[in-house]
Protein backbone atom coordinates (compact mmCIF):
# COMPACT_ATOMS: atom_id res chain seq x y z
CA MET A 1 101.50 184.98 -35.03
CA ALA A 2 104.50 186.21 -33.09
CA HIS A 3 107.04 183.46 -32.96
CA SER A 4 110.46 183.80 -30.29
CA LYS A 5 113.70 183.74 -31.38
CA ALA A 6 115.36 180.27 -30.42
CA ILE A 7 119.20 179.92 -30.19
CA ALA A 8 120.54 176.11 -30.17
CA THR A 9 124.71 176.04 -28.59
CA ILE A 10 127.83 177.37 -28.69
CA CYS A 11 130.11 174.78 -27.58
CA PRO A 12 133.93 175.27 -26.30
CA VAL A 13 134.90 171.79 -27.44
CA LEU A 14 132.21 170.14 -29.05
CA ASP A 15 128.84 170.27 -30.75
CA CYS A 16 126.47 173.35 -30.08
CA ARG A 17 123.82 175.04 -31.06
CA VAL A 18 122.05 178.39 -30.54
CA PHE A 19 117.97 178.44 -30.39
CA ALA A 20 116.23 177.78 -33.76
CA PRO A 21 114.12 180.61 -33.96
CA LEU A 22 110.79 179.90 -33.40
CA GLY A 23 111.33 177.01 -31.11
CA LEU A 24 111.85 173.73 -33.17
CA THR A 25 114.93 173.68 -31.79
CA GLY A 26 115.86 175.87 -29.15
CA ALA A 27 119.92 178.33 -27.60
CA ILE A 28 123.74 178.67 -27.20
CA GLY A 29 125.28 175.86 -25.08
CA GLY A 30 128.14 173.71 -24.94
CA VAL A 31 130.18 170.71 -23.75
CA THR A 32 132.94 168.87 -24.18
CA GLU A 33 133.29 166.35 -21.50
CA GLY A 34 130.67 164.02 -20.20
CA LYS A 35 127.42 165.45 -20.77
CA GLY A 36 127.54 168.56 -22.15
CA LYS A 37 125.82 171.99 -21.40
CA SER A 38 122.50 172.98 -23.49
CA MET A 39 121.30 176.42 -24.11
CA ARG A 40 119.88 176.80 -27.34
CA LEU A 41 120.19 180.53 -27.41
CA GLY A 42 116.75 180.67 -29.05
CA SER A 43 116.42 176.98 -31.21
CA LEU A 44 114.68 175.92 -28.25
CA ARG A 45 113.82 174.55 -24.77
CA ILE A 46 111.60 173.62 -26.53
CA GLN A 47 108.86 175.76 -27.91
CA LYS A 48 107.83 174.21 -30.56
CA SER A 49 105.28 176.55 -32.05
CA LEU A 50 106.05 179.78 -34.36
CA LYS A 51 103.32 181.47 -32.00
CA ASP A 52 104.28 180.86 -28.53
CA LYS A 53 107.80 181.74 -28.54
CA PRO A 54 108.41 184.64 -26.69
CA LYS A 55 109.92 187.81 -27.93
CA VAL A 56 112.79 188.20 -25.66
CA VAL A 57 114.53 185.24 -24.75
CA GLN A 58 115.70 184.64 -21.24
CA PRO A 59 119.73 184.03 -20.66
CA GLY A 60 119.46 180.94 -19.12
CA LEU A 61 117.71 179.74 -22.19
CA LEU A 62 120.38 180.43 -24.64
CA VAL A 63 121.42 177.58 -27.03
CA ILE A 64 124.19 177.30 -30.08
CA VAL A 65 125.51 174.12 -31.56
CA CYS A 66 128.94 173.70 -33.29
CA VAL A 67 131.16 170.51 -33.45
CA ILE A 68 134.08 170.91 -32.24
CA LEU A 69 137.40 168.86 -32.43
CA MET A 70 139.37 169.20 -29.69
CA VAL A 71 142.62 167.71 -29.88
CA ALA A 72 145.19 168.16 -26.53
CA PRO A 73 148.32 168.87 -26.80
CA LYS A 74 151.28 167.11 -27.78
CA GLY A 75 154.66 165.71 -26.25
CA LEU A 76 157.76 165.65 -27.06
CA THR A 77 157.47 162.81 -29.15
CA GLY A 78 155.17 164.38 -31.62
CA GLN A 79 152.72 161.89 -30.38
CA GLU A 80 148.96 163.43 -29.68
CA ILE A 81 147.98 162.59 -25.97
CA ALA A 82 144.73 162.98 -26.98
CA GLY A 83 142.31 162.19 -30.00
CA GLU A 84 138.93 163.62 -31.52
CA THR A 85 135.96 164.33 -29.36
CA GLU A 86 133.17 162.29 -30.81
CA ARG A 87 130.90 164.21 -33.04
CA VAL A 88 127.93 165.80 -30.68
CA SER A 89 124.15 164.37 -31.74
CA LYS A 90 121.73 167.24 -32.37
CA THR A 91 119.73 166.82 -29.03
CA ASP A 92 121.59 169.43 -27.58
CA THR A 93 123.81 166.99 -25.70
CA ALA A 94 127.31 166.07 -26.31
CA GLU A 95 129.96 162.93 -25.30
CA GLU A 96 133.19 163.81 -25.93
CA SER A 97 135.70 161.11 -26.33
CA SER A 98 138.13 160.63 -23.62
CA LEU A 99 141.76 162.27 -24.44
CA LYS A 100 143.97 159.35 -23.62
CA ALA A 101 147.82 160.51 -22.82
CA SER A 102 150.67 158.71 -24.33
CA GLU A 103 151.80 155.83 -22.33
CA THR A 104 155.39 156.63 -20.26
CA ALA A 105 157.68 154.08 -19.92
CA ASN A 106 159.21 153.51 -16.45
CA GLU A 107 157.74 156.98 -15.00
CA PRO A 108 159.14 157.85 -11.39
CA GLU A 109 156.85 157.30 -8.44
CA THR A 110 157.54 160.77 -7.24
CA ASP A 111 156.50 164.24 -8.12
CA ASP A 112 160.25 165.68 -7.25
CA SER A 113 161.80 163.07 -9.51
CA LEU A 114 159.93 163.75 -12.51
CA SER A 115 161.56 165.94 -15.45
CA ASP A 116 159.15 169.04 -16.37
CA HIS A 117 158.13 166.56 -19.47
CA GLN A 118 156.74 164.34 -17.14
CA LYS A 119 155.46 166.48 -14.84
CA LEU A 120 153.10 167.41 -17.32
CA LEU A 121 152.19 164.49 -19.33
CA SER A 122 151.37 162.78 -15.31
CA ALA A 123 149.52 165.59 -14.83
CA TYR A 124 147.59 165.15 -18.03
CA LYS A 125 147.25 161.63 -17.70
CA SER A 126 145.88 161.91 -13.90
CA SER A 127 142.94 164.94 -15.68
CA GLN A 128 141.68 161.88 -17.67
CA GLU A 129 141.34 159.26 -15.32
CA THR A 130 139.72 161.12 -12.91
CA PRO A 131 138.32 164.15 -14.66
CA GLY A 132 136.77 167.28 -12.70
CA PRO A 133 137.95 170.54 -11.47
CA LYS A 134 140.03 169.50 -9.10
CA SER A 135 142.12 167.21 -11.44
CA LEU A 136 142.02 170.32 -14.33
CA GLY A 137 143.48 172.32 -11.29
CA LYS A 138 146.51 170.01 -10.93
CA VAL A 139 147.62 170.69 -14.79
CA VAL A 140 147.05 174.35 -13.91
CA SER A 141 149.74 174.32 -11.25
CA THR A 142 151.56 171.88 -12.83
CA CYS A 143 151.84 173.70 -15.80
CA GLU A 144 152.69 177.03 -14.11
CA GLN A 145 155.37 175.46 -12.19
CA VAL A 146 156.98 174.40 -14.94
CA LEU A 147 157.04 177.64 -16.59
CA SER A 148 157.64 179.63 -13.67
CA GLY A 149 161.37 177.50 -13.72
CA THR A 150 163.52 177.28 -16.43
CA PRO A 151 162.12 174.68 -18.99
CA ASN A 152 163.46 174.16 -22.37
CA ALA A 153 161.65 175.11 -25.65
CA GLU A 154 159.71 172.16 -26.14
CA ASP A 155 158.92 171.72 -22.50
CA GLN A 156 157.97 175.65 -22.61
CA ALA A 157 155.48 175.57 -25.78
CA TYR A 158 154.09 172.27 -24.54
CA ALA A 159 153.13 173.57 -21.22
CA ASN A 160 151.69 176.48 -22.81
CA GLN A 161 149.44 174.74 -24.87
CA LEU A 162 148.74 172.33 -22.13
CA LEU A 163 147.86 174.98 -20.06
CA GLY A 164 145.15 176.77 -22.81
CA TRP A 165 143.94 173.57 -22.69
CA ALA A 166 143.07 172.70 -19.09
CA LEU A 167 141.77 176.59 -18.77
CA LEU A 168 139.18 175.68 -21.58
CA ARG A 169 137.97 172.69 -19.96
CA GLN A 170 138.07 174.55 -16.67
CA SER A 171 135.27 177.60 -18.42
CA GLU A 172 133.46 174.32 -19.25
CA GLN A 173 132.76 173.08 -15.70
CA PRO A 174 128.92 173.48 -14.59
CA GLU A 175 130.01 175.06 -10.96
CA VAL A 176 132.40 177.55 -12.58
CA SER A 177 130.31 181.03 -12.81
CA PHE A 178 130.62 183.32 -15.78
CA GLU A 179 133.15 185.44 -14.61
CA SER A 180 135.48 182.74 -13.94
CA ALA A 181 134.89 181.38 -17.54
CA ILE A 182 135.32 184.39 -18.88
CA LEU A 183 139.25 185.01 -17.11
CA PHE A 184 139.76 181.20 -17.75
CA LEU A 185 139.15 181.65 -21.36
CA ASP A 186 140.37 185.56 -21.70
CA ARG A 187 143.95 183.69 -20.25
CA ALA A 188 143.51 180.79 -23.00
CA ILE A 189 143.46 182.91 -25.38
CA GLU A 190 146.34 185.14 -24.25
CA LEU A 191 148.18 182.01 -24.55
CA GLU A 192 147.08 180.83 -27.97
CA PRO A 193 145.73 183.91 -29.95
CA GLU A 194 145.41 181.81 -33.07
CA ASN A 195 143.18 179.32 -31.35
CA TRP A 196 139.79 179.07 -31.97
CA LYS A 197 138.39 177.01 -29.63
CA PRO A 198 138.50 179.55 -26.79
CA PHE A 199 136.55 181.86 -28.60
CA PHE A 200 134.15 179.69 -29.64
CA ALA A 201 133.98 178.71 -26.12
CA ARG A 202 133.84 182.63 -25.12
CA ALA A 203 130.80 183.28 -27.71
CA TRP A 204 129.04 180.62 -25.61
CA HIS A 205 128.88 181.97 -22.46
CA TYR A 206 128.70 185.42 -23.83
CA GLY A 207 125.30 184.28 -25.35
CA THR A 208 124.35 182.92 -21.81
CA GLN A 209 124.54 186.16 -20.53
CA ALA A 210 122.21 188.03 -23.53
CA GLN A 211 125.65 189.41 -24.10
CA TYR A 212 125.17 188.91 -27.97
CA ALA A 213 127.24 191.54 -29.73
CA LYS A 214 130.43 189.89 -27.77
CA ALA A 215 129.52 186.56 -28.57
CA ILE A 216 129.38 187.51 -32.57
CA GLU A 217 132.66 189.27 -32.13
CA ASP A 218 134.02 186.08 -30.91
CA LEU A 219 132.21 184.23 -33.47
CA ASP A 220 133.59 186.71 -36.20
CA ARG A 221 137.22 185.74 -35.05
CA VAL A 222 136.46 181.98 -35.22
CA LEU A 223 135.29 182.05 -38.32
CA GLU A 224 138.14 184.40 -39.66
CA MET A 225 140.62 181.44 -38.64
CA GLU A 226 138.14 178.72 -39.44
CA PRO A 227 135.66 179.70 -42.42
CA LYS A 228 134.52 176.43 -42.92
CA LEU A 229 132.88 175.35 -39.41
CA PRO A 230 129.17 174.77 -40.06
CA ARG A 231 128.46 175.26 -36.56
CA ALA A 232 130.21 178.69 -36.09
CA TRP A 233 127.82 179.74 -39.05
CA PHE A 234 124.37 178.40 -37.44
CA ASN A 235 125.67 179.90 -33.98
CA ARG A 236 126.08 183.40 -35.29
CA ALA A 237 123.04 183.24 -37.19
CA GLU A 238 121.06 182.35 -33.94
CA LEU A 239 122.73 185.27 -32.63
CA HIS A 240 121.46 187.51 -35.38
CA TYR A 241 118.46 186.60 -34.94
CA GLN A 242 118.13 187.30 -31.30
CA LEU A 243 119.05 190.73 -32.16
CA GLU A 244 115.98 190.76 -35.11
CA ASN A 245 118.81 190.73 -37.38
CA PHE A 246 116.77 188.30 -39.29
CA VAL A 247 118.59 189.25 -43.01
CA LEU A 248 122.37 188.95 -41.50
CA ALA A 249 120.93 185.20 -40.12
CA VAL A 250 119.48 184.21 -43.25
CA ARG A 251 122.73 184.73 -44.65
CA ASP A 252 124.82 182.90 -41.80
CA TYR A 253 122.49 180.17 -41.77
CA THR A 254 122.43 179.67 -45.57
CA ARG A 255 126.05 179.22 -45.13
CA ALA A 256 125.78 176.85 -42.59
CA ILE A 257 123.27 174.85 -44.91
CA VAL A 258 125.88 175.02 -47.90
CA LEU A 259 128.54 173.52 -45.49
CA ASP A 260 126.50 170.89 -44.18
CA PRO A 261 123.43 170.35 -46.62
CA ARG A 262 121.66 167.85 -44.27
CA ASP A 263 121.34 170.35 -41.26
CA ALA A 264 117.75 170.37 -40.08
CA GLN A 265 118.35 172.99 -37.54
CA ALA A 266 119.91 175.46 -39.41
CA TYR A 267 116.93 174.81 -42.37
CA THR A 268 114.97 175.31 -39.14
CA GLY A 269 116.28 178.50 -38.23
CA ARG A 270 116.50 179.69 -41.26
CA GLY A 271 112.58 179.11 -41.89
CA HIS A 272 112.06 181.49 -38.86
CA ALA A 273 114.03 184.14 -40.13
CA TYR A 274 112.29 183.83 -43.48
CA PHE A 275 109.00 183.46 -41.23
CA GLU A 276 110.10 187.40 -39.73
CA LEU A 277 110.45 188.80 -42.81
CA ALA A 278 107.13 187.99 -44.12
CA LYS A 279 108.64 185.55 -46.77
CA TYR A 280 106.27 182.56 -45.92
CA ARG A 281 107.24 180.85 -49.52
CA GLU A 282 111.04 180.67 -48.71
CA ALA A 283 109.73 179.58 -45.20
CA MET A 284 107.48 176.97 -46.27
CA SER A 285 110.08 175.80 -48.34
CA ASP A 286 112.38 175.73 -45.87
CA TYR A 287 110.15 173.78 -43.24
CA GLN A 288 109.45 171.55 -46.05
CA LYS A 289 112.96 170.39 -46.27
CA VAL A 290 113.13 169.78 -42.45
CA VAL A 291 110.21 167.31 -42.45
CA LEU A 292 111.91 165.17 -45.06
CA LEU A 293 115.07 165.48 -42.90
CA THR A 294 113.25 164.60 -39.75
CA GLU A 295 110.94 162.39 -40.93
CA GLY A 296 108.39 164.26 -40.42
CA GLU A 297 108.98 165.19 -36.48
CA ALA A 298 105.89 166.47 -34.85
CA ALA A 299 107.57 169.85 -34.61
CA ALA A 300 108.39 170.12 -38.30
CA LEU A 301 104.72 169.66 -39.35
CA ILE A 302 103.27 172.42 -37.05
CA HIS A 303 106.11 174.74 -38.45
CA ARG A 304 104.90 174.05 -42.05
CA ALA A 305 101.14 173.77 -41.09
CA GLU A 306 101.30 177.31 -39.43
CA VAL A 307 103.18 178.73 -42.53
CA ALA A 308 100.24 177.40 -44.34
CA GLN A 309 97.60 178.27 -41.90
CA ILE A 310 98.69 182.33 -42.86
CA ALA A 311 98.97 181.47 -46.45
CA GLY A 312 95.48 180.29 -46.37
CA LEU A 313 96.32 177.08 -47.39
CA TRP A 314 93.58 175.14 -44.68
CA GLU A 315 93.43 171.78 -45.99
CA LYS A 316 97.19 171.71 -45.85
CA ALA A 317 97.46 173.20 -42.42
CA ARG A 318 94.94 170.73 -41.25
CA ASP A 319 96.25 167.94 -42.81
CA ASP A 320 99.91 168.52 -41.13
CA PHE A 321 98.16 169.21 -37.73
CA GLN A 322 96.83 165.81 -37.71
CA LEU A 323 99.89 164.17 -38.65
CA ALA A 324 101.52 166.14 -36.27
CA ALA A 325 99.05 165.20 -33.32
CA ALA A 326 99.21 161.55 -34.28
CA ARG A 327 103.12 161.55 -33.78
CA ASP A 328 103.31 163.67 -30.78
CA LYS A 329 100.81 162.23 -28.48
CA THR A 330 102.04 163.82 -24.98
CA SER A 331 103.02 167.52 -25.82
CA GLY A 332 99.37 168.64 -26.74
CA LEU A 333 100.81 171.37 -28.68
CA PRO A 334 99.30 169.55 -31.69
CA GLN A 335 95.77 169.71 -30.71
CA ILE A 336 96.12 172.77 -29.45
CA ARG A 337 96.89 174.00 -32.82
CA LEU A 338 94.94 172.01 -34.78
CA ALA A 339 91.76 173.07 -31.76
CA TRP A 340 92.67 176.77 -32.66
CA LEU A 341 92.61 175.91 -36.95
CA TYR A 342 88.69 174.40 -36.15
CA ALA A 343 87.84 177.25 -33.65
CA THR A 344 88.91 180.05 -35.80
CA CYS A 345 89.21 179.06 -39.72
CA PRO A 346 86.99 180.81 -42.00
CA ASP A 347 86.43 177.95 -44.36
CA GLY A 348 83.22 176.71 -43.44
CA SER A 349 84.28 173.40 -44.73
CA ILE A 350 87.26 173.09 -42.43
CA ALA A 351 86.07 174.87 -39.27
CA ASN A 352 84.52 172.82 -36.62
CA PRO A 353 83.66 174.21 -33.00
CA GLU A 354 82.73 171.45 -31.12
CA LEU A 355 86.23 169.19 -32.22
CA ALA A 356 88.12 172.17 -31.40
CA VAL A 357 86.52 172.29 -27.74
CA LYS A 358 87.73 168.44 -27.50
CA LEU A 359 90.94 169.22 -28.71
CA ALA A 360 91.92 172.07 -26.69
CA GLU A 361 90.34 170.07 -23.63
CA ARG A 362 93.00 167.39 -24.51
CA GLY A 363 95.49 169.77 -25.06
CA VAL A 364 95.17 171.53 -21.67
CA GLU A 365 94.93 168.25 -19.87
CA LEU A 366 98.07 167.59 -21.40
CA ARG A 367 100.28 170.82 -20.87
CA GLY A 368 98.69 171.80 -17.88
CA GLU A 369 96.30 174.07 -16.50
CA GLU A 370 98.96 177.04 -16.06
CA ASP A 371 99.83 177.32 -19.90
CA TRP A 372 97.74 180.35 -20.98
CA PRO A 373 98.05 179.78 -24.87
CA ALA A 374 96.41 176.30 -24.22
CA ALA A 375 93.77 177.84 -21.73
CA ASN A 376 93.11 180.70 -24.40
CA THR A 377 92.71 178.44 -27.58
CA LEU A 378 90.16 176.87 -25.34
CA ALA A 379 88.41 179.83 -24.41
CA THR A 380 88.37 180.75 -27.85
CA ALA A 381 86.91 176.77 -28.91
CA CYS A 382 84.48 177.54 -26.34
CA ALA A 383 83.22 180.74 -27.68
CA ALA A 384 83.12 179.37 -31.23
CA SER A 385 80.94 176.59 -30.53
CA GLY A 386 78.67 178.91 -28.55
CA ASP A 387 79.41 178.15 -24.90
CA VAL A 388 80.26 181.88 -23.90
CA GLU A 389 79.74 181.62 -20.51
CA ARG A 390 82.24 178.78 -20.06
CA ALA A 391 84.84 180.55 -22.24
CA GLU A 392 84.21 184.03 -20.07
CA LYS A 393 84.66 182.14 -17.05
CA ILE A 394 88.03 180.59 -18.71
CA LEU A 395 89.38 184.14 -19.43
CA SER A 396 88.36 185.79 -16.30
CA GLY A 397 90.53 183.57 -14.45
CA TRP A 398 93.84 184.74 -15.97
CA LEU A 399 93.02 189.05 -15.82
CA ASN A 400 95.20 189.39 -13.43
CA ARG A 401 98.25 186.88 -13.90
CA LEU A 402 99.00 188.40 -17.41
CA GLU A 403 101.40 191.36 -18.52
CA GLY A 404 102.18 192.87 -21.89
CA SER A 405 101.73 190.62 -24.99
CA ASP A 406 99.70 188.21 -23.38
CA LEU A 407 97.37 190.20 -21.59
CA GLU A 408 96.77 192.29 -25.25
CA ARG A 409 95.86 188.76 -26.61
CA LEU A 410 93.46 187.99 -23.96
CA GLU A 411 92.02 191.48 -24.01
CA ALA A 412 91.38 190.61 -27.47
CA THR A 413 89.79 187.11 -26.91
CA ARG A 414 87.68 188.74 -24.80
CA ARG A 415 86.47 191.19 -27.25
CA VAL A 416 85.46 188.69 -29.28
CA VAL A 417 83.60 186.78 -26.87
CA LYS A 418 81.82 189.33 -25.48
CA LYS A 419 80.40 189.87 -29.48
CA LEU A 420 79.43 186.42 -29.73
CA SER A 421 77.47 187.23 -26.52
CA THR A 422 75.76 190.08 -27.23
CA GLU A 423 74.46 188.40 -30.97
CA ASN A 424 73.69 185.75 -28.93
CA GLU A 425 71.12 187.39 -26.78
CA SER A 426 69.84 189.68 -29.79
CA LYS A 427 68.78 186.15 -31.06
């Protein structure tokens, strides 16, 4: 039962996560304003089963999740120009509350008549009223203009801080390339080497390109500065998972859980890591916690059922798959999982090949004809029910379409089907 790593989403200024390994959560992703980027490195997009996750996660699927409170630079009056970002929900999207600039009385109408401080405030305020690359570029150019002159110490410090903030925001714009984002963040780090936020954002970007070692190095730096940041621990755990450093992943997931005991994604990730380490009892315990925290979401039930299946707890596996199927009637995954159990279970009191065929057919209908795992399950169910001819036909249609482990799985199923065919002919 191979499952992939998942990483659910690093964000520069927000809540991000990398995929939860087995597919319950999903990659590294980030957000700060408006709709956030979501890339669970590996905690899902969203493979909800331990079986179907590919061992190699494509860079575009990365997702790490972390909550970051981004505060805009402060003005000379000491008043905050911006408030905290809103907490992001655990759905890999994040809405950051607007950063409101301090009101300034009787501002002159033209840039030429503005003081350095007023120019900075005006540029920032404009970026909040009409957010986007253009207004952020205006903030950057204004800061550079002020810094190229002879600002007083307070204006210089404020311009540097505001420039770092704008560069961070620029790196998060959807149209910005990876290379440009890294340049923005490198510069932001140079301006404020003790600010953890650009390191966090850069780790996310490295994660999207599968540069996991560099992402981990940046998160190491983040945790030196902010050791009580649960999402940073979670994100680093997901990265270790991607690198198959499962022991280290367990360590970091555990730290995330200590800091946030109700983080279902952290329990899911740790359960996946335990699963890879063949520590099924620990994995089952974590999945049980996820079931309680998510009030029995189908994905959590599927994970728990699959571990129960490995442990030979057939009734427990069946009951969880059935409950998952009752709660998720659209994805087809619970039906496929339950069909597999009914088709392959060695316990005669649980096995039900005929029902397996019906469930697998429904799963294929929901997941589509191009879903190989669903097709394989249907072929297996057909063979178990005695319809060997249909099983062979299904498998033959996939012969030239698969490679690697999927092709190996197909050949294994074909060997079983041929054995059943031979047995039927001899009767």
